[in-house]
Amino acid sequence: MYCARCHNLRPRVEYGPAQWSVVVNHMRAVGDIPGKDYRALLEYLADRRPANAPASFPSPDSGAGSR
């Protein structure tokens, strides 16, 4: 996919949903990731979160990850 083009893949457990939302939003702009793939990536990270992680990602409309 996109992530390994520029850097090593990060372990999914490295961040919680709020942090991944910020990271993926930033990488979407830097890596020119289409919206469809952006949403799929957030779903992937949410489905594979550690058991102690929050249950959901913040909405893109909530301002999380905004610059």
Protein backbone atom coordinates (compact mmCIF):
# COMPACT_ATOMS: atom_id res chain seq x y z
CA MET A 1 0.00 0.00 0.00
CA TYR A 2 1.18 3.55 0.65
CA CYS A 3 2.87 3.43 4.04
CA ALA A 4 5.98 1.48 3.14
CA ARG A 5 6.86 3.71 0.19
CA CYS A 6 8.58 6.22 2.46
CA HIS A 7 9.15 4.51 5.81
CA ASN A 8 8.83 1.21 7.64
CA LEU A 9 5.34 0.16 8.63
CA ARG A 10 4.41 1.05 12.20
CA PRO A 11 2.92 -1.62 14.49
CA ARG A 12 -0.84 -1.09 14.78
CA VAL A 13 -0.60 -1.26 18.56
CA GLU A 14 1.82 1.67 18.64
CA TYR A 15 -1.05 4.19 18.67
CA GLY A 16 -4.64 4.34 19.81
CA PRO A 17 -7.51 5.41 17.53
CA ALA A 18 -7.13 9.15 18.21
CA GLN A 19 -3.42 9.07 17.44
CA TRP A 20 -3.88 6.91 14.33
CA SER A 21 -6.52 9.32 13.09
CA VAL A 22 -4.00 12.18 13.29
CA VAL A 23 -1.20 10.12 11.72
CA VAL A 24 -3.35 8.79 8.89
CA ASN A 25 -4.83 12.23 8.21
CA HIS A 26 -1.33 13.69 7.93
CA MET A 27 -0.11 10.83 5.77
CA ARG A 28 -3.19 11.23 3.57
CA ALA A 29 -2.00 14.73 2.67
CA VAL A 30 1.71 13.89 2.45
CA GLY A 31 1.24 10.57 0.64
CA ASP A 32 -1.66 11.64 -1.58
CA ILE A 33 -3.88 8.84 -0.25
CA PRO A 34 -7.37 8.85 -1.82
CA GLY A 35 -10.38 9.18 0.50
CA LYS A 36 -11.54 5.62 -0.16
CA ASP A 37 -8.17 4.22 0.92
CA TYR A 38 -8.02 6.61 3.90
CA ARG A 39 -11.34 5.27 5.20
CA ALA A 40 -10.26 1.67 4.56
CA LEU A 41 -7.04 2.23 6.47
CA LEU A 42 -8.88 3.66 9.48
CA GLU A 43 -11.27 0.69 9.40
CA TYR A 44 -8.33 -1.70 9.23
CA LEU A 45 -6.66 -0.07 12.23
CA ALA A 46 -9.93 -0.04 14.20
CA ASP A 47 -10.63 -3.71 13.50
CA ARG A 48 -7.18 -4.73 14.66
CA ARG A 49 -6.79 -2.49 17.71
CA PRO A 50 -5.51 -3.93 20.97
CA ALA A 51 -8.13 -5.08 23.47
CA ASN A 52 -7.47 -2.12 25.79
CA ALA A 53 -7.79 0.54 23.04
CA PRO A 54 -10.84 2.81 22.73
CA ALA A 55 -13.64 1.36 20.63
CA SER A 56 -13.77 3.88 17.81
CA PHE A 57 -11.94 6.54 15.87
CA PRO A 58 -12.99 10.16 16.09
CA SER A 59 -15.06 11.34 13.16
CA PRO A 60 -13.06 13.15 10.45
CA ASP A 61 -15.56 15.99 10.97
CA SER A 62 -14.71 16.26 14.68
CA GLY A 63 -11.55 18.23 13.97
CA ALA A 64 -9.22 15.49 15.19
CA GLY A 65 -6.07 15.62 13.13
CA SER A 66 -6.86 18.99 11.62
CA ARG A 67 -4.01 21.29 10.82
